[in-house]
N, C-alpha and C. Protein backbone atom coordinates (compact mmCIF):
# COMPACT_ATOMS: atom_id res chain seq x y z
N MET A 1 86.97 -45.14 -21.01
CA MET A 1 86.28 -46.04 -20.74
C MET A 1 84.73 -45.67 -21.80
N ARG A 2 85.07 -47.77 -22.47
CA ARG A 2 84.30 -47.71 -23.81
C ARG A 2 82.94 -48.67 -23.14
N THR A 3 81.93 -47.96 -24.24
CA THR A 3 80.91 -48.90 -23.10
C THR A 3 80.14 -49.86 -24.26
N LYS A 4 80.31 -50.83 -23.57
CA LYS A 4 79.40 -51.87 -25.37
C LYS A 4 77.92 -51.80 -24.67
N LEU A 5 77.57 -51.42 -26.14
CA LEU A 5 76.01 -51.86 -26.22
C LEU A 5 75.43 -53.02 -26.96
N ARG A 6 74.69 -53.16 -25.87
CA ARG A 6 73.78 -55.32 -25.75
C ARG A 6 73.59 -54.99 -27.08
N HIS A 7 72.90 -56.12 -27.45
CA HIS A 7 72.40 -56.52 -29.06
C HIS A 7 71.24 -55.95 -29.45
N ASN A 8 70.82 -55.89 -28.46
CA ASN A 8 69.03 -55.20 -28.72
C ASN A 8 68.66 -53.53 -28.25
N GLU A 9 69.89 -52.65 -28.78
CA GLU A 9 69.60 -51.98 -27.87
C GLU A 9 70.31 -51.32 -29.82
N ARG A 10 71.26 -52.11 -30.82
CA ARG A 10 71.76 -51.63 -31.82
C ARG A 10 70.74 -50.19 -32.60
N GLY A 11 69.90 -50.01 -32.80
CA GLY A 11 68.88 -50.18 -33.66
C GLY A 11 67.77 -48.58 -33.29
N ALA A 12 67.86 -48.43 -31.83
CA ALA A 12 67.45 -47.40 -31.03
C ALA A 12 67.28 -46.31 -31.33
N ALA A 13 68.53 -45.46 -31.51
CA ALA A 13 68.61 -44.77 -32.15
C ALA A 13 68.00 -44.13 -33.08
N LEU A 14 68.02 -44.68 -34.44
CA LEU A 14 67.14 -45.17 -35.64
C LEU A 14 65.91 -44.19 -35.45
N ILE A 15 64.95 -45.37 -34.13
CA ILE A 15 63.52 -45.35 -34.72
C ILE A 15 63.42 -44.08 -33.76
N GLU A 16 63.99 -44.11 -32.99
CA GLU A 16 63.76 -42.41 -31.94
C GLU A 16 63.73 -41.19 -33.21
N THR A 17 64.73 -41.49 -33.90
CA THR A 17 64.68 -40.42 -34.85
C THR A 17 63.18 -40.05 -36.04
N ALA A 18 63.32 -41.55 -36.04
CA ALA A 18 62.19 -41.54 -36.65
C ALA A 18 60.64 -41.41 -36.45
N ILE A 19 60.59 -42.04 -35.28
CA ILE A 19 59.71 -41.13 -34.52
C ILE A 19 59.61 -39.62 -34.25
N THR A 20 60.82 -38.53 -34.20
CA THR A 20 60.58 -37.26 -33.06
C THR A 20 60.63 -36.62 -34.81
N ILE A 21 61.03 -37.04 -35.73
CA ILE A 21 61.38 -36.04 -36.72
C ILE A 21 59.89 -35.76 -37.10
N PRO A 22 59.23 -36.33 -37.12
CA PRO A 22 57.68 -35.98 -37.97
C PRO A 22 57.45 -35.25 -36.80
N ILE A 23 57.10 -35.75 -35.90
CA ILE A 23 57.06 -34.50 -34.35
C ILE A 23 57.25 -33.48 -34.71
N ILE A 24 58.31 -33.13 -35.02
CA ILE A 24 59.38 -32.20 -34.34
C ILE A 24 59.24 -31.07 -36.11
N LEU A 25 58.94 -31.38 -37.13
CA LEU A 25 57.89 -31.13 -38.62
C LEU A 25 56.77 -30.39 -38.67
N LEU A 26 56.35 -31.43 -37.23
CA LEU A 26 54.53 -30.87 -37.39
C LEU A 26 54.06 -29.57 -36.64
N ILE A 27 55.23 -29.52 -35.87
CA ILE A 27 55.23 -28.30 -34.50
C ILE A 27 55.91 -26.79 -35.73
N ALA A 28 57.19 -27.16 -36.29
CA ALA A 28 57.42 -26.02 -37.36
C ALA A 28 56.52 -25.69 -38.12
N VAL A 29 55.77 -26.99 -38.14
CA VAL A 29 55.00 -26.52 -39.87
C VAL A 29 53.43 -25.35 -39.30
N GLY A 30 53.00 -26.05 -37.89
CA GLY A 30 52.19 -25.13 -37.21
C GLY A 30 52.25 -23.83 -36.43
N ILE A 31 53.83 -23.73 -36.87
CA ILE A 31 54.41 -22.18 -36.12
C ILE A 31 54.49 -21.08 -38.04
N PHE A 32 54.23 -21.59 -38.56
CA PHE A 32 54.57 -21.16 -40.12
C PHE A 32 52.80 -21.31 -40.16
N GLU A 33 51.99 -21.68 -40.41
CA GLU A 33 50.44 -22.01 -40.43
C GLU A 33 50.11 -20.72 -39.76
N PHE A 34 50.24 -20.82 -38.05
CA PHE A 34 49.14 -20.07 -37.51
C PHE A 34 50.03 -18.37 -37.86
N GLY A 35 51.63 -18.38 -38.08
CA GLY A 35 51.65 -17.27 -38.02
C GLY A 35 51.47 -16.35 -39.33
N ARG A 36 51.24 -17.04 -40.15
CA ARG A 36 49.85 -16.74 -41.47
C ARG A 36 48.85 -16.88 -41.16
N ALA A 37 47.99 -17.25 -40.00
CA ALA A 37 46.83 -17.04 -40.17
C ALA A 37 46.85 -15.53 -39.15
N TYR A 38 47.63 -15.44 -38.49
CA TYR A 38 48.03 -14.42 -37.53
C TYR A 38 48.31 -12.89 -38.67
N GLN A 39 49.30 -12.81 -39.42
CA GLN A 39 48.65 -12.35 -40.72
C GLN A 39 48.08 -11.99 -41.25
N THR A 40 47.22 -12.68 -41.61
CA THR A 40 46.05 -12.76 -42.48
C THR A 40 45.04 -11.56 -41.96
N TRP A 41 44.82 -11.91 -40.48
CA TRP A 41 43.82 -11.62 -39.69
C TRP A 41 44.43 -10.12 -39.55
N GLN A 42 45.30 -9.12 -39.70
CA GLN A 42 46.06 -8.37 -39.68
C GLN A 42 45.69 -7.61 -40.88
N VAL A 43 45.67 -8.48 -41.75
CA VAL A 43 45.40 -7.43 -42.90
C VAL A 43 43.88 -7.40 -43.38
N LEU A 44 43.52 -8.30 -42.54
CA LEU A 44 41.90 -8.16 -41.90
C LEU A 44 41.30 -6.86 -41.20
N THR A 45 42.25 -6.89 -40.32
CA THR A 45 41.58 -5.45 -39.23
C THR A 45 41.70 -4.40 -39.95
N ASN A 46 43.31 -4.00 -41.06
CA ASN A 46 43.52 -2.95 -41.53
C ASN A 46 42.68 -2.58 -42.08
N ALA A 47 42.49 -3.63 -43.75
CA ALA A 47 40.88 -3.55 -44.26
C ALA A 47 40.14 -2.99 -44.03
N ALA A 48 39.72 -3.00 -42.66
CA ALA A 48 37.98 -2.92 -42.43
C ALA A 48 38.66 -1.36 -41.56
N ARG A 49 39.86 -1.16 -40.42
CA ARG A 49 39.66 0.45 -40.20
C ARG A 49 39.96 1.00 -41.71
N GLU A 50 40.57 0.79 -42.93
CA GLU A 50 40.33 0.89 -44.27
C GLU A 50 39.18 1.81 -45.03
N GLY A 51 38.46 0.82 -44.83
CA GLY A 51 37.10 0.90 -45.03
C GLY A 51 36.00 1.69 -44.04
N ALA A 52 36.13 1.87 -42.77
CA ALA A 52 35.51 3.13 -41.94
C ALA A 52 36.22 4.37 -41.96
N ARG A 53 36.99 4.46 -42.41
CA ARG A 53 37.48 5.53 -42.81
C ARG A 53 37.04 6.35 -43.87
N ILE A 54 36.21 5.60 -44.99
CA ILE A 54 36.01 5.65 -45.93
C ILE A 54 34.64 6.01 -45.82
N ALA A 55 34.10 4.80 -45.33
CA ALA A 55 32.78 5.36 -44.59
C ALA A 55 32.31 6.44 -44.10
N ILE A 56 33.30 6.89 -42.95
CA ILE A 56 32.53 8.08 -42.32
C ILE A 56 32.53 9.34 -43.12
N LEU A 57 33.34 9.12 -44.19
CA LEU A 57 32.75 10.81 -44.98
C LEU A 57 31.36 10.12 -45.73
N SER A 58 30.25 11.26 -45.80
CA SER A 58 29.23 11.89 -45.91
C SER A 58 28.89 11.03 -47.06
N ASP A 59 30.29 11.99 -48.18
CA ASP A 59 29.85 11.32 -50.04
C ASP A 59 30.10 10.47 -50.31
N LYS A 60 30.63 9.30 -49.81
CA LYS A 60 30.75 8.16 -49.67
C LYS A 60 29.72 6.70 -50.11
N THR A 61 30.05 6.21 -51.24
CA THR A 61 28.52 5.55 -51.10
C THR A 61 29.52 4.08 -50.66
N ASP A 62 28.48 2.85 -50.72
CA ASP A 62 28.69 1.48 -49.87
C ASP A 62 29.56 0.71 -50.95
N ALA A 63 29.79 0.89 -52.32
CA ALA A 63 30.41 0.19 -53.52
C ALA A 63 32.02 0.98 -53.08
N GLU A 64 31.93 2.05 -52.34
CA GLU A 64 33.42 2.50 -52.88
C GLU A 64 34.42 2.61 -51.66
N VAL A 65 33.07 2.02 -50.53
CA VAL A 65 33.76 1.68 -49.69
C VAL A 65 34.37 0.06 -49.41
N THR A 66 33.14 -1.18 -49.92
CA THR A 66 33.87 -2.22 -50.34
C THR A 66 35.39 -2.07 -51.52
N THR A 67 35.09 -1.10 -52.00
CA THR A 67 36.16 -1.84 -53.17
C THR A 67 38.05 -1.03 -52.43
N ALA A 68 37.64 -0.66 -51.20
CA ALA A 68 38.12 0.06 -50.79
C ALA A 68 39.35 -1.06 -49.71
N VAL A 69 37.81 -1.67 -49.45
CA VAL A 69 38.25 -2.69 -48.35
C VAL A 69 39.01 -3.48 -49.23
N ARG A 70 38.29 -4.19 -50.67
CA ARG A 70 39.00 -5.44 -51.02
C ARG A 70 40.48 -5.27 -51.75
N ASN A 71 40.79 -3.95 -51.93
CA ASN A 71 41.87 -3.30 -52.69
C ASN A 71 42.50 -3.14 -51.36
N TYR A 72 42.05 -3.27 -50.28
CA TYR A 72 43.55 -3.19 -49.20
C TYR A 72 43.78 -4.74 -48.91
N MET A 73 43.07 -5.72 -49.02
CA MET A 73 43.01 -7.22 -49.35
C MET A 73 44.01 -7.74 -50.07
N GLN A 74 43.66 -7.11 -51.17
CA GLN A 74 44.49 -8.06 -52.29
C GLN A 74 45.70 -6.49 -52.65
N ALA A 75 46.22 -5.72 -51.77
CA ALA A 75 47.19 -5.51 -51.31
C ALA A 75 48.25 -6.03 -50.73
N GLY A 76 47.50 -6.41 -49.33
CA GLY A 76 48.12 -7.61 -48.96
C GLY A 76 48.16 -8.85 -48.67
N GLY A 77 47.74 -9.33 -50.03
CA GLY A 77 48.61 -10.18 -50.42
C GLY A 77 47.79 -11.70 -50.52
N LEU A 78 46.20 -11.37 -49.49
CA LEU A 78 45.39 -12.50 -49.33
C LEU A 78 44.55 -12.84 -50.34
N PRO A 79 44.61 -13.98 -51.71
CA PRO A 79 44.24 -14.90 -52.47
C PRO A 79 43.01 -15.00 -52.76
N ARG A 80 42.49 -14.98 -51.95
CA ARG A 80 40.69 -14.59 -51.82
C ARG A 80 39.76 -13.30 -51.84
N TYR A 81 40.40 -12.33 -51.68
CA TYR A 81 39.96 -10.93 -50.88
C TYR A 81 38.52 -10.65 -51.82
N ALA A 82 38.21 -11.26 -52.95
CA ALA A 82 37.45 -10.98 -54.03
C ALA A 82 35.86 -12.01 -53.53
N THR A 83 35.70 -12.69 -52.91
CA THR A 83 34.97 -13.58 -52.43
C THR A 83 34.84 -13.49 -50.45
N ALA A 84 35.71 -12.24 -50.64
CA ALA A 84 34.96 -12.05 -48.85
C ALA A 84 34.46 -11.05 -48.62
N GLY A 85 33.19 -10.55 -46.68
CA GLY A 85 32.34 -10.72 -46.97
C GLY A 85 32.53 -9.19 -46.93
N VAL A 86 32.36 -8.23 -47.27
CA VAL A 86 32.07 -6.86 -46.42
C VAL A 86 30.14 -6.27 -45.60
N ASN A 87 30.56 -6.29 -44.47
CA ASN A 87 29.57 -5.57 -44.29
C ASN A 87 29.27 -3.79 -43.99
N ILE A 88 28.84 -3.10 -44.47
CA ILE A 88 28.19 -1.41 -44.12
C ILE A 88 27.49 -1.64 -43.53
N GLN A 89 27.68 -0.95 -42.15
CA GLN A 89 26.86 -0.53 -41.21
C GLN A 89 26.73 1.39 -41.00
N ARG A 90 26.05 1.82 -41.28
CA ARG A 90 25.90 4.11 -41.47
C ARG A 90 25.57 3.69 -40.58
N ASN A 91 25.74 4.80 -39.37
CA ASN A 91 24.43 5.97 -38.20
C ASN A 91 24.43 4.94 -36.90
N VAL A 92 25.05 4.31 -37.26
CA VAL A 92 25.13 3.14 -35.64
C VAL A 92 24.96 4.35 -34.71
N VAL A 93 24.23 3.88 -33.53
CA VAL A 93 23.91 5.23 -32.69
C VAL A 93 25.30 4.77 -31.67
N MET A 94 26.19 5.63 -31.43
CA MET A 94 27.06 5.58 -30.22
C MET A 94 27.19 6.68 -29.36
N GLY A 95 26.54 6.85 -28.03
CA GLY A 95 26.02 8.21 -27.16
C GLY A 95 25.69 8.48 -27.95
N THR A 96 25.90 9.46 -27.96
CA THR A 96 25.36 10.79 -28.37
C THR A 96 26.09 10.78 -29.98
N ASN A 97 26.68 10.12 -31.01
CA ASN A 97 27.17 10.37 -31.88
C ASN A 97 26.98 9.37 -32.48
N THR A 98 26.88 9.30 -34.03
CA THR A 98 26.71 7.81 -34.68
C THR A 98 28.32 7.65 -34.81
N ALA A 99 27.84 6.62 -36.02
CA ALA A 99 29.31 6.26 -36.69
C ALA A 99 29.23 5.03 -37.75
N SER A 100 30.19 4.38 -38.40
CA SER A 100 29.74 3.62 -39.20
C SER A 100 30.69 2.38 -38.95
N ARG A 101 29.62 1.41 -39.17
CA ARG A 101 30.63 0.15 -38.55
C ARG A 101 30.80 -0.69 -40.27
N ILE A 102 32.05 -1.40 -39.99
CA ILE A 102 32.78 -1.75 -41.12
C ILE A 102 33.12 -3.78 -40.60
N THR A 103 31.95 -4.44 -41.07
CA THR A 103 32.17 -5.48 -41.06
C THR A 103 32.93 -6.31 -41.79
N VAL A 104 34.73 -7.41 -41.88
CA VAL A 104 35.03 -7.97 -42.89
C VAL A 104 34.64 -9.54 -43.14
N ASN A 105 34.32 -10.54 -43.45
CA ASN A 105 34.76 -11.78 -43.56
C ASN A 105 35.16 -12.37 -43.91
N TYR A 106 36.18 -13.34 -43.87
CA TYR A 106 37.10 -14.16 -45.04
C TYR A 106 37.42 -15.28 -44.66
N PRO A 107 37.14 -16.24 -45.82
CA PRO A 107 37.77 -17.54 -45.44
C PRO A 107 38.94 -17.73 -45.69
N PHE A 108 39.69 -18.49 -44.32
CA PHE A 108 40.60 -18.89 -44.11
C PHE A 108 40.55 -20.53 -44.05
N GLN A 109 42.04 -20.31 -44.62
CA GLN A 109 42.15 -22.25 -44.73
C GLN A 109 43.50 -22.55 -44.94
N PHE A 110 44.23 -23.36 -43.84
CA PHE A 110 45.34 -24.22 -44.05
C PHE A 110 46.13 -24.40 -44.85
N MET A 111 47.00 -24.44 -45.19
CA MET A 111 47.37 -25.05 -46.00
C MET A 111 47.94 -26.50 -45.98
N VAL A 112 49.01 -26.49 -44.57
CA VAL A 112 49.55 -27.98 -44.26
C VAL A 112 48.46 -28.97 -43.39
N LEU A 113 48.23 -28.14 -43.01
CA LEU A 113 47.19 -28.69 -41.73
C LEU A 113 46.20 -29.31 -41.45
N ASN A 114 45.38 -28.54 -43.00
CA ASN A 114 44.00 -28.85 -43.04
C ASN A 114 44.43 -31.37 -44.01
N GLY A 115 45.77 -31.13 -44.33
CA GLY A 115 45.89 -32.31 -44.82
C GLY A 115 46.11 -33.20 -43.65
N VAL A 116 46.91 -32.64 -42.88
CA VAL A 116 47.21 -33.35 -41.59
C VAL A 116 46.44 -33.57 -41.04
N ALA A 117 45.19 -33.10 -40.82
CA ALA A 117 43.86 -33.06 -40.25
C ALA A 117 43.40 -34.34 -41.04
N ARG A 118 43.11 -34.10 -41.93
CA ARG A 118 42.37 -34.62 -42.81
C ARG A 118 43.14 -36.55 -42.93
N LEU A 119 44.58 -36.97 -42.83
CA LEU A 119 45.06 -38.12 -42.75
C LEU A 119 45.24 -38.24 -41.44
N VAL A 120 44.75 -37.87 -40.26
CA VAL A 120 44.25 -38.29 -39.05
C VAL A 120 42.99 -38.76 -38.69
N VAL A 121 42.09 -37.91 -39.67
CA VAL A 121 40.74 -38.56 -39.17
C VAL A 121 39.78 -37.94 -40.53
N ARG A 122 39.38 -39.21 -41.56
CA ARG A 122 39.13 -39.15 -42.52
C ARG A 122 37.25 -38.46 -42.46
N GLY A 123 36.87 -37.92 -43.32
CA GLY A 123 35.76 -37.30 -43.38
C GLY A 123 35.49 -36.30 -42.52
N SER A 124 36.36 -35.85 -41.69
CA SER A 124 36.50 -34.43 -40.70
C SER A 124 36.05 -33.03 -41.18
N THR A 125 35.96 -32.31 -40.55
CA THR A 125 35.51 -31.02 -40.95
C THR A 125 37.14 -29.99 -40.88
N ALA A 126 37.99 -30.75 -39.91
CA ALA A 126 38.85 -29.63 -39.65
C ALA A 126 39.55 -29.74 -40.79
N GLY A 127 39.40 -29.89 -42.43
CA GLY A 127 39.83 -29.36 -43.09
C GLY A 127 39.10 -28.42 -43.90
N GLN A 128 38.07 -28.04 -43.48
CA GLN A 128 36.79 -26.62 -43.96
C GLN A 128 37.70 -25.71 -43.92
N SER A 129 37.20 -24.71 -44.22
CA SER A 129 37.73 -23.02 -44.43
C SER A 129 37.45 -22.51 -43.21
N LEU A 130 37.88 -21.61 -42.13
CA LEU A 130 37.89 -20.93 -41.19
C LEU A 130 37.45 -19.75 -41.28
N THR A 131 36.45 -18.97 -41.11
CA THR A 131 35.63 -17.93 -41.39
C THR A 131 36.19 -16.33 -40.60
N MET A 132 37.21 -16.05 -40.61
CA MET A 132 37.80 -14.65 -39.99
C MET A 132 37.25 -13.84 -40.32
N GLN A 133 36.58 -12.80 -38.65
CA GLN A 133 36.46 -11.92 -38.99
C GLN A 133 36.83 -10.37 -38.36
N SER A 134 36.94 -9.41 -38.76
CA SER A 134 37.34 -8.37 -38.40
C SER A 134 35.99 -7.24 -38.09
N VAL A 135 36.19 -6.14 -37.36
CA VAL A 135 35.31 -5.23 -37.16
C VAL A 135 35.58 -4.36 -36.92
N ALA A 136 35.51 -3.00 -37.45
CA ALA A 136 36.08 -1.66 -37.54
C ALA A 136 34.89 -0.72 -36.99
N LEU A 137 34.50 0.37 -36.22
CA LEU A 137 34.39 1.27 -35.75
C LEU A 137 34.64 2.49 -35.61
N MET A 138 34.21 3.25 -36.64
CA MET A 138 34.75 4.68 -36.44
C MET A 138 33.13 5.79 -36.45
N ARG A 139 33.22 7.57 -35.90
CA ARG A 139 32.46 7.82 -35.71
C ARG A 139 32.74 8.03 -37.21
N ASN A 140 30.69 8.88 -37.54
CA ASN A 140 30.86 8.88 -38.58
C ASN A 140 31.38 11.20 -38.23
N GLU A 141 31.75 11.80 -39.93
CA GLU A 141 31.94 13.33 -39.36
C GLU A 141 30.69 14.05 -39.09
N ILE A 142 30.68 14.94 -38.74
CA ILE A 142 29.41 15.87 -38.92
C ILE A 142 29.48 17.00 -40.04
């Protein structure tokens, strides 16, 4: 059985496609961007742990800890590893023991979503980089 479309419904499919494709693309890009953010956070967490492993050794200096953290971030593919902030605290009291705390701050920036946010709201701070932070705490060697 044939159904006839009325004259005013001829372009409806084209208009629906033109509306839904940008939304679907934005969702797909958002999934990729947040996946990249999660991967970056995982590299930061592991870099902080690597720094803490070195910081608990009594013969290691703060410069060696910072170098180890930044080397791990570079190997993890983070482009701004040299600008990351590495804060080292030794002899943090943890119960009856002391520990070393490594805090890593990294400026993360979304690639595509920042541009989309600036298109929607001009002059907003949505395009600024986010500061991701990871902390590792390990008990010092005795």
